[in-house]
Protein backbone atom coordinates (compact mmCIF):
# COMPACT_ATOMS: atom_id res chain seq x y z
CA UNK A 1 -11.35 -2.45 -10.67
CA UNK A 2 -11.81 -6.24 -10.86
CA UNK A 3 -9.94 -6.57 -7.56
CA UNK A 4 -12.10 -3.92 -5.91
CA UNK A 5 -15.27 -5.73 -6.98
CA UNK A 6 -13.93 -8.95 -5.47
CA UNK A 7 -13.49 -7.20 -2.14
CA UNK A 8 -16.95 -5.61 -2.28
CA UNK A 9 -18.57 -9.02 -2.83
CA UNK A 10 -17.61 -9.87 0.76
CA UNK A 11 -19.93 -7.14 2.04
CA UNK A 12 -23.05 -7.97 0.04
CA UNK A 13 -25.47 -7.62 2.95
CA UNK A 14 -24.20 -4.15 3.91
CA UNK A 15 -24.30 -3.03 0.27
CA UNK A 16 -27.87 -4.35 -0.12
CA UNK A 17 -28.85 -2.42 3.01
CA UNK A 18 -27.26 0.69 1.48
CA UNK A 19 -29.28 0.20 -1.70
CA UNK A 20 -32.53 -0.24 0.25
CA UNK A 21 -31.84 2.81 2.41
CA UNK A 22 -30.92 4.88 -0.63
CA UNK A 23 -34.14 3.81 -2.33
CA UNK A 24 -36.12 4.90 0.74
CA UNK A 25 -34.25 8.21 0.85
CA UNK A 26 -34.80 8.80 -2.87
CA UNK A 27 -38.52 7.98 -2.70
CA UNK A 28 -39.06 10.27 0.28
CA UNK A 29 -37.13 13.14 -1.31
CA UNK A 30 -39.12 12.70 -4.52
CA UNK A 31 -42.33 12.69 -2.54
CA UNK A 32 -41.64 15.98 -0.71
CA UNK A 33 -41.98 18.35 -3.74
CA UNK A 34 -45.23 16.63 -4.69
CA UNK A 35 -46.59 17.23 -1.18
CA UNK A 36 -45.39 20.82 -1.37
CA UNK A 37 -47.23 21.33 -4.66
CA UNK A 38 -50.33 19.81 -3.08
CA UNK A 39 -50.16 22.32 -0.19
CA UNK A 40 -49.83 25.27 -2.58
CA UNK A 41 -52.55 24.14 -5.00
CA UNK A 42 -55.09 22.77 -2.52
CA UNK A 43 -54.21 24.43 0.77
CA UNK A 44 -52.79 27.91 0.24
CA UNK A 45 -54.86 28.60 -2.90
CA UNK A 46 -58.06 27.50 -1.11
CA UNK A 47 -57.08 29.24 2.17
CA UNK A 48 -57.52 25.89 3.95
CA UNK A 49 -55.32 26.05 7.08
CA UNK A 50 -56.25 22.56 8.30
CA UNK A 51 -55.21 21.06 4.97
CA UNK A 52 -51.88 22.89 5.11
CA UNK A 53 -51.22 21.62 8.66
CA UNK A 54 -52.23 18.05 7.81
CA UNK A 55 -50.08 17.79 4.69
CA UNK A 56 -47.29 19.74 6.43
CA UNK A 57 -47.22 17.09 9.18
CA UNK A 58 -46.88 14.42 6.50
CA UNK A 59 -43.96 16.35 5.02
CA UNK A 60 -42.21 16.43 8.42
CA UNK A 61 -42.58 12.64 8.81
CA UNK A 62 -41.33 12.04 5.26
CA UNK A 63 -38.38 14.42 5.82
CA UNK A 64 -37.48 12.59 9.07
CA UNK A 65 -37.53 9.21 7.32
CA UNK A 66 -35.32 10.65 4.57
CA UNK A 67 -32.79 12.01 7.11
CA UNK A 68 -32.65 8.73 9.05
CA UNK A 69 -32.19 6.72 5.84
CA UNK A 70 -29.39 9.05 4.75
CA UNK A 71 -27.60 8.73 8.10
CA UNK A 72 -27.91 4.93 8.17
CA UNK A 73 -26.69 4.64 4.59
CA UNK A 74 -23.69 6.86 5.35
CA UNK A 75 -22.85 4.60 8.30
CA UNK A 76 -22.93 1.42 6.22
CA UNK A 77 -21.03 3.05 3.36
CA UNK A 78 -18.30 4.16 5.77
CA UNK A 79 -18.07 0.69 7.31
CA UNK A 80 -17.83 -1.04 3.93
CA UNK A 81 -15.24 1.37 2.54
CA UNK A 82 -13.13 1.26 5.71
CA UNK A 83 -13.25 -2.55 5.86
CA UNK A 84 -12.38 -2.78 2.16
CA UNK A 85 -9.41 -0.45 2.61
CA UNK A 86 -8.21 -2.35 5.69
CA UNK A 87 -8.42 -5.72 3.92
CA UNK A 88 -6.67 -4.39 0.83
CA UNK A 89 -3.83 -3.00 2.96
CA UNK A 90 -3.49 -6.28 4.82
CA UNK A 91 -3.52 -8.33 1.61
CA UNK A 92 -0.97 -5.96 0.11
CA UNK A 93 1.30 -6.36 3.14
CA UNK A 94 0.98 -10.16 3.11
CA UNK A 95 1.60 -10.22 -0.65
CA UNK A 96 4.74 -8.12 -0.37
CA UNK A 97 5.99 -10.44 2.38
CA UNK A 98 5.83 -13.32 -0.11
CA UNK A 99 7.86 -11.44 -2.73
CA UNK A 100 11.41 -12.36 -3.52
CA UNK A 101 13.99 -9.62 -3.87
CA UNK A 102 13.33 -9.61 -7.65
CA UNK A 103 9.73 -8.42 -7.21
CA UNK A 104 10.70 -5.85 -4.56
CA UNK A 105 13.40 -4.48 -6.89
CA UNK A 106 10.95 -4.40 -9.80
CA UNK A 107 8.25 -2.33 -8.06
CA UNK A 108 10.59 -0.41 -5.77
CA UNK A 109 10.26 0.33 -2.06
CA UNK A 110 8.78 3.79 -2.66
CA UNK A 111 6.23 2.34 -5.11
CA UNK A 112 5.13 -0.33 -2.63
CA UNK A 113 4.69 2.26 0.14
CA UNK A 114 2.66 4.57 -2.12
CA UNK A 115 0.43 1.73 -3.25
CA UNK A 116 -0.20 0.60 0.33
CA UNK A 117 -1.04 4.09 1.58
CA UNK A 118 -2.00 6.71 -1.02
CA UNK A 119 -3.45 4.41 -3.69
CA UNK A 120 -5.57 2.32 -1.33
CA UNK A 121 -6.84 5.52 0.33
CA UNK A 122 -7.95 6.79 -3.08
CA UNK A 123 -9.81 3.52 -3.73
CA UNK A 124 -11.36 3.58 -0.25
CA UNK A 125 -12.67 7.13 -0.71
CA UNK A 126 -14.07 6.22 -4.13
CA UNK A 127 -15.89 3.19 -2.68
CA UNK A 128 -17.51 5.33 0.00
CA UNK A 129 -18.49 7.96 -2.56
CA UNK A 130 -19.85 5.26 -4.86
CA UNK A 131 -22.00 3.66 -2.18
CA UNK A 132 -23.25 7.01 -0.97
CA UNK A 133 -23.80 8.85 -4.25
CA UNK A 134 -23.55 6.74 -7.34
CA UNK A 135 -26.31 4.38 -6.17
CA UNK A 136 -28.42 7.32 -5.05
CA UNK A 137 -28.09 9.52 -8.11
CA UNK A 138 -29.56 7.07 -10.69
CA UNK A 139 -32.64 6.60 -8.53
CA UNK A 140 -33.02 10.34 -8.09
CA UNK A 141 -32.33 11.02 -11.76
CA UNK A 142 -34.83 8.50 -13.09
CA UNK A 143 -37.42 9.34 -10.42
CA UNK A 144 -37.10 13.08 -11.01
CA UNK A 145 -37.50 12.65 -14.77
CA UNK A 146 -40.64 10.60 -14.17
CA UNK A 147 -42.01 13.20 -11.75
CA UNK A 148 -41.32 16.10 -14.13
CA UNK A 149 -43.29 14.27 -16.81
CA UNK A 150 -46.08 13.83 -14.26
CA UNK A 151 -46.11 17.59 -13.53
CA UNK A 152 -45.95 18.79 -17.14
CA UNK A 153 -44.89 16.81 -20.22
CA UNK A 154 -44.33 19.82 -22.49
CA UNK A 155 -42.08 21.65 -20.01
CA UNK A 156 -40.03 18.47 -19.52
CA UNK A 157 -38.49 19.01 -22.95
CA UNK A 158 -35.89 21.18 -21.15
CA UNK A 159 -34.33 17.94 -19.90
CA UNK A 160 -33.70 16.74 -23.47
CA UNK A 161 -31.32 19.66 -23.95
CA UNK A 162 -29.64 19.81 -20.51
CA UNK A 163 -28.76 16.15 -19.81
CA UNK A 164 -27.00 15.34 -23.14
CA UNK A 165 -24.81 18.47 -22.79
CA UNK A 166 -23.68 17.43 -19.32
CA UNK A 167 -23.06 13.78 -20.32
CA UNK A 168 -20.90 14.81 -23.29
CA UNK A 169 -18.92 17.15 -21.04
CA UNK A 170 -18.38 14.37 -18.44
CA UNK A 171 -17.08 11.93 -21.07
CA UNK A 172 -14.66 14.55 -22.40
CA UNK A 173 -13.45 15.26 -18.85
CA UNK A 174 -12.83 11.56 -18.16
CA UNK A 175 -10.85 11.07 -21.39
CA UNK A 176 -8.64 14.05 -20.61
CA UNK A 177 -7.95 13.38 -16.92
CA UNK A 178 -7.47 9.58 -16.74
CA UNK A 179 -3.95 9.53 -18.31
CA UNK A 180 -2.92 12.47 -16.12
CA UNK A 181 -4.00 10.74 -12.92
CA UNK A 182 -2.12 7.59 -13.99
CA UNK A 183 0.99 9.70 -14.46
CA UNK A 184 0.40 11.52 -11.18
CA UNK A 185 0.55 8.33 -9.09
CA UNK A 186 3.85 7.32 -10.71
CA UNK A 187 5.28 10.76 -9.94
CA UNK A 188 4.18 10.43 -6.32
CA UNK A 189 6.30 7.24 -6.25
CA UNK A 190 9.26 9.22 -7.52
CA UNK A 191 8.75 11.97 -4.94
CA UNK A 192 8.58 9.39 -2.15
CA UNK A 193 11.74 7.75 -3.43
CA UNK A 194 13.69 11.02 -3.43
CA UNK A 195 12.41 11.90 0.04
CA UNK A 196 13.26 8.45 1.36
CA UNK A 197 16.81 8.68 0.00
CA UNK A 198 17.13 12.17 1.51
CA UNK A 199 16.16 10.95 4.99
CA UNK A 200 18.15 7.70 4.83
CA UNK A 201 21.29 9.37 3.53
CA UNK A 202 21.13 12.63 5.47
CA UNK A 203 24.55 12.05 7.07
CA UNK A 204 26.21 11.38 3.72
CA UNK A 205 24.52 14.44 2.20
CA UNK A 206 25.82 16.67 4.98
CA UNK A 207 29.26 15.09 4.92
CA UNK A 208 29.61 15.95 1.21
CA UNK A 209 27.85 19.31 1.60
CA UNK A 210 25.29 18.33 -1.03
CA UNK A 211 22.22 19.93 0.53
CA UNK A 212 21.78 22.29 -2.45
CA UNK A 213 22.03 19.43 -4.94
CA UNK A 214 19.46 17.35 -3.03
CA UNK A 215 17.14 20.35 -2.78
CA UNK A 216 17.32 20.78 -6.56
CA UNK A 217 16.68 17.06 -7.07
CA UNK A 218 13.66 17.21 -4.77
CA UNK A 219 12.43 20.39 -6.50
CA UNK A 220 12.59 18.65 -9.89
CA UNK A 221 10.47 15.74 -8.67
CA UNK A 222 8.14 18.08 -6.79
CA UNK A 223 7.66 20.44 -9.75
CA UNK A 224 7.11 17.52 -12.11
CA UNK A 225 4.30 16.24 -9.87
CA UNK A 226 2.90 19.75 -9.38
CA UNK A 227 2.78 20.44 -13.12
CA UNK A 228 0.88 17.20 -13.73
CA UNK A 229 -1.52 17.99 -10.90
CA UNK A 230 -2.05 21.52 -12.22
CA UNK A 231 -2.79 20.20 -15.68
CA UNK A 232 -5.29 17.68 -14.31
CA UNK A 233 -6.89 20.29 -12.06
CA UNK A 234 -7.06 22.64 -15.05
CA UNK A 235 -9.59 20.28 -16.56
CA UNK A 236 -11.34 19.62 -13.26
CA UNK A 237 -11.89 23.33 -12.45
CA UNK A 238 -14.01 23.66 -15.59
CA UNK A 239 -16.56 21.40 -13.95
CA UNK A 240 -18.18 23.87 -11.54
CA UNK A 241 -18.45 26.79 -13.99
CA UNK A 242 -20.01 24.56 -16.65
CA UNK A 243 -22.43 23.03 -14.14
CA UNK A 244 -23.34 26.46 -12.77
CA UNK A 245 -24.03 27.83 -16.25
CA UNK A 246 -26.15 24.81 -17.15
CA UNK A 247 -28.14 25.02 -13.90
CA UNK A 248 -28.76 28.76 -14.26
CA UNK A 249 -29.87 28.47 -17.88
CA UNK A 250 -32.09 25.51 -16.95
CA UNK A 251 -33.69 27.49 -14.13
CA UNK A 252 -34.23 30.48 -16.41
CA UNK A 253 -35.78 28.28 -19.12
CA UNK A 254 -38.12 26.55 -16.67
CA UNK A 255 -39.33 29.83 -15.16
CA UNK A 256 -39.74 31.44 -18.59
CA UNK A 257 -41.74 28.66 -20.20
CA UNK A 258 -43.49 27.76 -16.94
CA UNK A 259 -44.76 31.31 -16.50
CA UNK A 260 -46.18 31.26 -20.01
CA UNK A 261 -47.99 27.97 -19.30
CA UNK A 262 -49.39 29.32 -16.02
CA UNK A 263 -50.53 32.46 -17.83
CA UNK A 264 -52.24 30.26 -20.42
CA UNK A 265 -53.97 28.28 -17.68
CA UNK A 266 -52.15 25.06 -18.62
CA UNK A 267 -50.24 24.73 -15.33
CA UNK A 268 -50.71 25.59 -11.66
CA UNK A 269 -48.18 27.52 -9.50
CA UNK A 270 -47.70 24.54 -7.16
CA UNK A 271 -46.83 22.28 -10.11
CA UNK A 272 -44.24 24.79 -11.35
CA UNK A 273 -42.67 24.89 -7.87
CA UNK A 274 -42.52 21.10 -7.74
CA UNK A 275 -41.25 20.96 -11.34
CA UNK A 276 -38.46 23.39 -10.47
CA UNK A 277 -37.49 21.23 -7.48
CA UNK A 278 -37.37 18.09 -9.65
CA UNK A 279 -35.22 19.89 -12.22
CA UNK A 280 -32.85 20.81 -9.38
CA UNK A 281 -32.86 17.15 -8.31
CA UNK A 282 -31.91 16.14 -11.84
CA UNK A 283 -29.12 18.67 -12.06
CA UNK A 284 -27.86 17.86 -8.57
CA UNK A 285 -27.87 14.16 -9.43
CA UNK A 286 -25.79 14.90 -12.50
CA UNK A 287 -23.52 17.16 -10.42
CA UNK A 288 -22.98 14.41 -7.83
CA UNK A 289 -22.16 12.09 -10.69
CA UNK A 290 -19.67 14.66 -11.92
CA UNK A 291 -18.01 14.66 -8.50
CA UNK A 292 -17.54 10.94 -8.93
CA UNK A 293 -16.11 11.60 -12.38
CA UNK A 294 -13.52 13.81 -10.72
CA UNK A 295 -12.60 11.07 -8.25
CA UNK A 296 -13.08 8.09 -10.57
CA UNK A 297 -10.05 8.58 -12.87
CA UNK A 298 -7.62 8.77 -9.96
CA UNK A 299 -9.33 5.88 -8.16
CA UNK A 300 -9.17 3.77 -11.34
CA UNK A 301 -5.48 4.56 -11.72
CA UNK A 302 -4.87 3.67 -8.07
CA UNK A 303 -6.92 0.46 -8.30
CA UNK A 304 -4.88 -0.59 -11.33
CA UNK A 305 -1.61 0.01 -9.47
CA UNK A 306 -2.81 -1.91 -6.41
CA UNK A 307 -4.03 -4.74 -8.65
CA UNK A 308 -0.64 -4.97 -10.34
CA UNK A 309 0.99 -5.80 -7.01
CA UNK A 310 -1.78 -8.13 -5.78
CA UNK A 311 -1.76 -10.01 -9.11
CA UNK A 312 2.03 -10.26 -9.21
CA UNK A 313 3.17 -13.84 -8.68
CA UNK A 314 6.33 -14.34 -6.60
CA UNK A 315 9.16 -15.79 -8.65
CA UNK A 316 10.24 -17.85 -5.63
CA UNK A 317 7.59 -20.22 -4.30
CA UNK A 318 7.56 -23.54 -2.50
CA UNK A 319 7.65 -26.63 -4.68
CA UNK A 320 4.44 -28.63 -5.08
CA UNK A 321 6.01 -31.63 -3.33
CA UNK A 322 7.97 -30.09 -0.49
CA UNK A 323 10.76 -32.29 0.89
CA UNK A 324 11.60 -32.47 4.57
CA UNK A 325 14.95 -31.09 5.66
CA UNK A 326 17.00 -33.40 7.87
CA UNK A 327 17.26 -32.04 11.41
CA UNK A 328 20.38 -30.14 12.41
CA UNK A 329 23.07 -29.04 10.01
CA UNK A 330 25.24 -31.51 8.14
CA UNK A 331 26.43 -29.71 5.03
CA UNK A 332 25.85 -26.87 2.60
CA UNK A 333 27.01 -27.36 -0.97
CA UNK A 334 27.13 -25.20 -4.09
CA UNK A 335 27.12 -27.42 -7.14
CA UNK A 336 27.87 -25.84 -10.54
CA UNK A 337 25.91 -22.72 -9.51
CA UNK A 338 25.33 -19.92 -12.00
CA UNK A 339 23.24 -16.84 -11.36
CA UNK A 340 22.33 -13.67 -13.20
CA UNK A 341 19.86 -10.96 -12.24
CA UNK A 342 16.69 -10.56 -14.33
CA UNK A 343 17.48 -8.61 -17.49
CA UNK A 344 21.24 -8.79 -16.96
CA UNK A 345 23.37 -9.89 -19.92
CA UNK A 346 26.29 -11.28 -17.93
CA UNK A 347 26.01 -13.71 -14.99
CA UNK A 348 26.99 -12.47 -11.53
CA UNK A 349 28.11 -15.95 -10.47
CA UNK A 350 29.59 -18.61 -12.75
CA UNK A 351 30.27 -22.28 -12.04
CA UNK A 352 30.49 -22.01 -8.23
CA UNK A 353 31.49 -25.24 -6.48
CA UNK A 354 32.26 -25.68 -2.78
CA UNK A 355 31.01 -27.56 0.26
CA UNK A 356 31.04 -26.73 3.96
CA UNK A 357 30.39 -29.35 6.60
CA UNK A 358 29.04 -29.19 10.13
CA UNK A 359 31.32 -27.46 12.60
CA UNK A 360 33.58 -25.82 10.02
CA UNK A 361 34.40 -22.15 9.67
CA UNK A 362 34.78 -20.82 6.16
CA UNK A 363 35.68 -17.31 5.01
CA UNK A 364 34.62 -15.95 1.61
CA UNK A 365 36.88 -13.09 0.58
CA UNK A 366 36.99 -10.98 -2.54
CA UNK A 367 36.89 -7.48 -3.93
CA UNK A 368 33.75 -5.38 -4.07
CA UNK A 369 31.44 -6.68 -6.82
CA UNK A 370 32.93 -10.17 -6.84
CA UNK A 371 29.55 -11.72 -5.97
CA UNK A 372 30.01 -12.55 -2.27
CA UNK A 373 26.72 -11.11 -1.02
CA UNK A 374 24.82 -12.52 -4.00
CA UNK A 375 26.20 -15.94 -3.14
CA UNK A 376 24.86 -15.91 0.42
CA UNK A 377 21.48 -14.61 -0.80
CA UNK A 378 21.19 -17.88 -2.69
CA UNK A 379 21.74 -19.84 0.53
CA UNK A 380 18.61 -18.35 2.14
CA UNK A 381 16.85 -18.52 -1.24
CA UNK A 382 16.26 -14.79 -1.45
CA UNK A 383 17.02 -15.43 -5.13
CA UNK A 384 16.90 -18.69 -7.06
CA UNK A 385 19.90 -20.00 -8.95
CA UNK A 386 19.87 -19.64 -12.74
CA UNK A 387 21.77 -22.92 -13.09
CA UNK A 388 23.14 -25.65 -10.85
CA UNK A 389 22.05 -26.44 -7.30
CA UNK A 390 22.38 -25.21 -3.74
CA UNK A 391 22.11 -28.24 -1.46
CA UNK A 392 21.27 -28.06 2.24
CA UNK A 393 21.94 -31.39 3.93
CA UNK A 394 21.92 -32.93 0.45
CA UNK A 395 18.48 -31.50 -0.47
CA UNK A 396 18.02 -28.83 -3.15
CA UNK A 397 16.84 -25.66 -1.38
CA UNK A 398 14.26 -25.16 -4.15
CA UNK A 399 12.51 -28.34 -3.02
CA UNK A 400 12.15 -27.47 0.67
CA UNK A 401 9.84 -25.14 2.56
CA UNK A 402 11.27 -21.60 2.56
CA UNK A 403 10.35 -20.90 6.18
CA UNK A 404 11.82 -24.21 7.35
CA UNK A 405 15.06 -23.46 5.49
CA UNK A 406 15.46 -19.94 6.86
CA UNK A 407 14.53 -21.09 10.34
CA UNK A 408 17.61 -23.33 10.33
CA UNK A 409 19.98 -20.57 9.23
CA UNK A 410 21.19 -17.55 11.16
CA UNK A 411 21.87 -14.54 8.94
CA UNK A 412 23.63 -11.34 10.06
CA UNK A 413 23.63 -8.67 7.31
CA UNK A 414 26.42 -6.19 6.71
CA UNK A 415 24.29 -3.34 8.01
CA UNK A 416 22.49 -4.45 11.16
CA UNK A 417 18.87 -3.34 11.32
CA UNK A 418 16.98 -3.17 14.60
CA UNK A 419 13.25 -2.63 14.96
CA UNK A 420 11.65 0.00 17.12
CA UNK A 421 10.91 -1.43 20.55
CA UNK A 422 13.27 -2.73 23.19
CA UNK A 423 16.48 -4.73 23.21
CA UNK A 424 14.44 -7.71 24.44
CA UNK A 425 11.91 -7.44 21.57
CA UNK A 426 14.75 -7.40 19.05
CA UNK A 427 16.44 -10.40 20.68
CA UNK A 428 13.11 -12.28 20.60
CA UNK A 429 12.46 -11.38 16.95
CA UNK A 430 13.59 -14.81 15.71
CA UNK A 431 12.52 -16.74 18.81
CA UNK A 432 9.54 -15.24 20.59
CA UNK A 433 9.73 -17.67 23.53
CA UNK A 434 13.33 -16.82 24.45
CA UNK A 435 13.69 -16.43 28.23
CA UNK A 436 15.65 -13.60 29.91
CA UNK A 437 18.35 -16.17 30.70
CA UNK A 438 18.54 -17.09 26.99
CA UNK A 439 18.85 -13.44 26.01
CA UNK A 440 21.53 -12.60 28.58
CA UNK A 441 23.48 -15.67 27.48
CA UNK A 442 23.19 -14.64 23.83
CA UNK A 443 24.39 -11.12 24.68
CA UNK A 444 27.31 -12.54 26.64
CA UNK A 445 28.39 -14.71 23.70
CA UNK A 446 27.99 -11.74 21.33
CA UNK A 447 30.15 -9.52 23.60
CA UNK A 448 27.17 -7.25 24.22
CA UNK A 449 26.23 -8.05 27.81
CA UNK A 450 28.34 -5.28 29.34
CA UNK A 451 26.79 -2.32 27.53
CA UNK A 452 23.24 -3.63 28.09
CA UNK A 453 23.90 -4.06 31.83
CA UNK A 454 25.07 -0.44 31.98
CA UNK A 455 21.67 0.75 30.76
CA UNK A 456 19.15 1.62 33.43
CA UNK A 457 16.39 -0.57 31.98
CA UNK A 458 18.64 -3.41 30.84
CA UNK A 459 16.83 -5.68 28.38
CA UNK A 460 13.84 -3.31 28.43
CA UNK A 461 15.91 -0.36 27.20
CA UNK A 462 14.26 1.45 24.33
CA UNK A 463 15.54 0.96 20.78
CA UNK A 464 14.57 3.58 18.19
CA UNK A 465 13.79 2.72 14.57
CA UNK A 466 16.81 1.19 12.89
CA UNK A 467 18.68 1.26 16.20
CA UNK A 468 19.54 4.93 15.73
CA UNK A 469 20.13 5.41 19.47
CA UNK A 470 22.84 2.71 19.53
CA UNK A 471 26.35 2.80 18.15
CA UNK A 472 27.35 0.72 15.14
CA UNK A 473 29.12 -1.85 17.30
CA UNK A 474 26.21 -2.09 19.74
CA UNK A 475 23.73 -2.63 16.92
CA UNK A 476 25.92 -5.35 15.44
CA UNK A 477 26.27 -7.13 18.77
CA UNK A 478 22.51 -7.03 19.41
CA UNK A 479 21.92 -8.36 15.88
CA UNK A 480 24.36 -11.23 16.43
CA UNK A 481 22.86 -11.94 19.87
CA UNK A 482 19.40 -12.15 18.26
CA UNK A 483 20.71 -14.80 15.89
CA UNK A 484 22.40 -16.71 18.74
CA UNK A 485 19.11 -16.68 20.68
CA UNK A 486 17.56 -18.59 17.76
CA UNK A 487 20.14 -21.38 18.36
CA UNK A 488 20.84 -22.12 14.69
CA UNK A 489 23.44 -24.69 13.67
CA UNK A 490 24.79 -22.51 10.85
CA UNK A 491 25.37 -18.75 10.89
CA UNK A 492 26.11 -16.62 7.84
CA UNK A 493 27.88 -13.33 8.59
CA UNK A 494 27.93 -10.81 5.74
CA UNK A 495 30.84 -8.47 6.53
CA UNK A 496 29.75 -8.00 10.18
CA UNK A 497 32.82 -5.89 10.98
CA UNK A 498 32.72 -3.58 7.94
CA UNK A 499 31.36 -0.63 9.97
CA UNK A 500 33.39 -1.23 13.14
CA UNK A 501 36.69 0.05 14.44
CA UNK A 502 39.64 -2.34 15.03
CA UNK A 503 38.58 -3.01 18.62
CA UNK A 504 35.01 -3.74 17.53
CA UNK A 505 36.23 -6.04 14.76
CA UNK A 506 38.41 -7.90 17.23
CA UNK A 507 35.46 -8.44 19.60
CA UNK A 508 33.20 -9.68 16.82
CA UNK A 509 35.85 -12.13 15.59
CA UNK A 510 36.28 -13.32 19.18
CA UNK A 511 32.54 -14.02 19.19
CA UNK A 512 32.80 -15.89 15.88
CA UNK A 513 35.58 -18.14 17.19
CA UNK A 514 33.68 -18.81 20.43
CA UNK A 515 30.51 -19.74 18.57
CA UNK A 516 32.46 -22.30 16.59
CA UNK A 517 34.81 -23.71 19.20
CA UNK A 518 32.48 -23.71 22.22
CA UNK A 519 29.11 -24.37 20.60
CA UNK A 520 30.08 -26.15 17.38
CA UNK A 521 28.14 -23.72 15.18
CA UNK A 522 29.10 -23.72 11.51
CA UNK A 523 30.25 -20.26 10.41
CA UNK A 524 30.28 -18.75 6.91
CA UNK A 525 32.04 -15.38 7.07
CA UNK A 526 32.02 -12.81 4.27
CA UNK A 527 34.86 -10.36 4.78
CA UNK A 528 37.26 -7.91 3.13
CA UNK A 529 39.95 -8.39 5.75
CA UNK A 530 42.55 -11.08 5.25
CA UNK A 531 43.43 -11.10 8.98
CA UNK A 532 39.82 -12.07 9.74
CA UNK A 533 39.71 -14.69 6.98
CA UNK A 534 42.95 -16.20 8.31
CA UNK A 535 41.18 -17.09 11.57
CA UNK A 536 38.84 -19.46 9.67
CA UNK A 537 39.62 -23.06 8.78
CA UNK A 538 38.94 -22.59 5.07
CA UNK A 539 39.15 -19.61 2.73
CA UNK A 540 37.40 -19.13 -0.61
CA UNK A 541 38.66 -16.31 -2.81
CA UNK A 542 36.21 -14.88 -5.33
CA UNK A 543 36.75 -12.56 -8.27
CA UNK A 544 34.29 -11.50 -10.98
CA UNK A 545 31.74 -14.09 -9.89
CA UNK A 546 34.12 -17.04 -9.90
CA UNK A 547 35.92 -19.03 -7.22
CA UNK A 548 39.67 -18.65 -7.70
CA UNK A 549 40.77 -20.91 -4.87
């Protein structure tokens, strides 16, 4: 909640306006029953039509002011809550962008998505409800208590019984539901994770005929969430019956004792009518508070989860004294590098030493799990070394600006990922000022010009999310072309041919050789295929996190 309060401080003026408008609304609504009692006691009882019309006109004006204040307050409350939600989502997105892979792995992709959408929505709704109700209800509650005392002190003793009962019930409800709502948000994460895996791996699921298994796995996560929700709602559904019983008994008590006081000549009919209205105001104020109590536990749980991400410090940050990287690419050196993942007992990489110079081609080959991909993640500083140094042009990568380092490296992952848009937008992803000539040249070098020319819209051809409307080879060529368009001096290729057929692998390797021989680009190639590694000038063989040769 501390984070939410920090955001709300930015909208002090709007919140102050809400408070003022709510005060006006509360005062006018408290004034109306008093005017009504005045009409009954002094107008209807005295058969004075002019008095009834005069005071009735006042009531209309007061009611209009109340309605306008309510509408204006709702407007400001909606603006503040929407702006708070938008800023929280943006800050969450920016924060996640600064995370290293360690933080992303820790929270999980599904957890980050849930926090950015569901959790922030819960907080946003609670803020709007708070500004609209929780500032209004105390004014109404205190004002109504004062006005009931003004109407009849003895009859006001009903309040001493009703309010404590409701408060005790609200506290009990909060204690019971808060842990359940905390658990519910975590189980929403799990449901999102299962659904995400289902959609991402739908081809694998169908290939292995595992639809029934995945349905059971989804059902388990779904039922687990449903059971928690049902348990929480089991407590929440007691709210309305309890409130209804309390309100009915309160009404009965007021009419019973009020009638006796009227019969004894100690109270007028108009005062009883006004008193009954103020009692309803009190009970409605408590009921509106109870609605917040229903929303508050879940909002508190969501705010805590959002705060955990916003307060999380990235494990990889720029050094205080950032060093400049020499222009171009001269060398990349691993010097006594050791690395292990957080919480792991054994290191993934041990005592890695090698150096690649400008213009060289080097292949890194090894069995699955030998640490090849981890090694190249250290180059781009997606993880930090546990020991030793990774030197770029003789400068430790931990001492240079992360963006400047990654801007000088071209990285093609094993599984090419394209963003929804066009071929041109994907080619410009790393260099937004690339000209059509630059893009066609990059496609030509990447052996992708032919298939793009065959498309009716050429560079403006649509690309669906993840490049689903392109073949594996086409996606890989577009990904490589996007890197070439950046004009880096060093390109790291992480098994770029793993998902291609022999012809596709041959074309990609032709591209690799051309990049090196024609343009002098340094190439680091991760591969499983010895025939591909043999085309490079140097070969490093890795096994169990160590360099064998």
